[in-house]
């Protein structure tokens, strides 16, 4: 379904997908770029736009309503407490890199907003982190897709031989067992 949405609505669907979820939307869009349906550079740009907009929304919600949001979502409270510990130790590095830690993408901007982290610094460092995320993950997904496509292409050539070999092995085992039962 997500792939169809990206195919039909392209870049706006990617921006929405990275706004809501992130990684899976970018991975699928990079695959579509590999297939020539989307352009990789625009995939990275729209992934940046979606994830950056999401981060900014959650940061500002955290500044205004962070405690109330966390109280209404107890499962986020533990993640937020953990995030704040990391944020106190290395605040700028954590703002740059939190999106690379699975499960922290929504909670972390909320926690950062709640922490009183400087707004201007967050806007700038979050833009840098979101750009790095979009470029690195987009490029890796594209390169991995290309490598897998090459591997699958080679496998396709030997697929008939593999199938034939498995068929011979299967028949041999079947004949052996049948012969064992009849003896």
Foldseek 3Di string as FASTA:
>chain_A
DLLVCCLVVNLVSLLQCLLVPNQVSLLSNLLCCLVVSDPLVSSLVSSLNNLLVNLVVLLVCLQPPLVVVCVVPVVLVVVLVVLVVVCVVPVLVCLLAVVVDPPCSRSNSSSCSNVPPDPVSSNVSNSNSSSCCSVVSSVVSNVVSVVVVVVVVVCVVCVVVVVVVVVVVVVVVVVVVVVVVVD
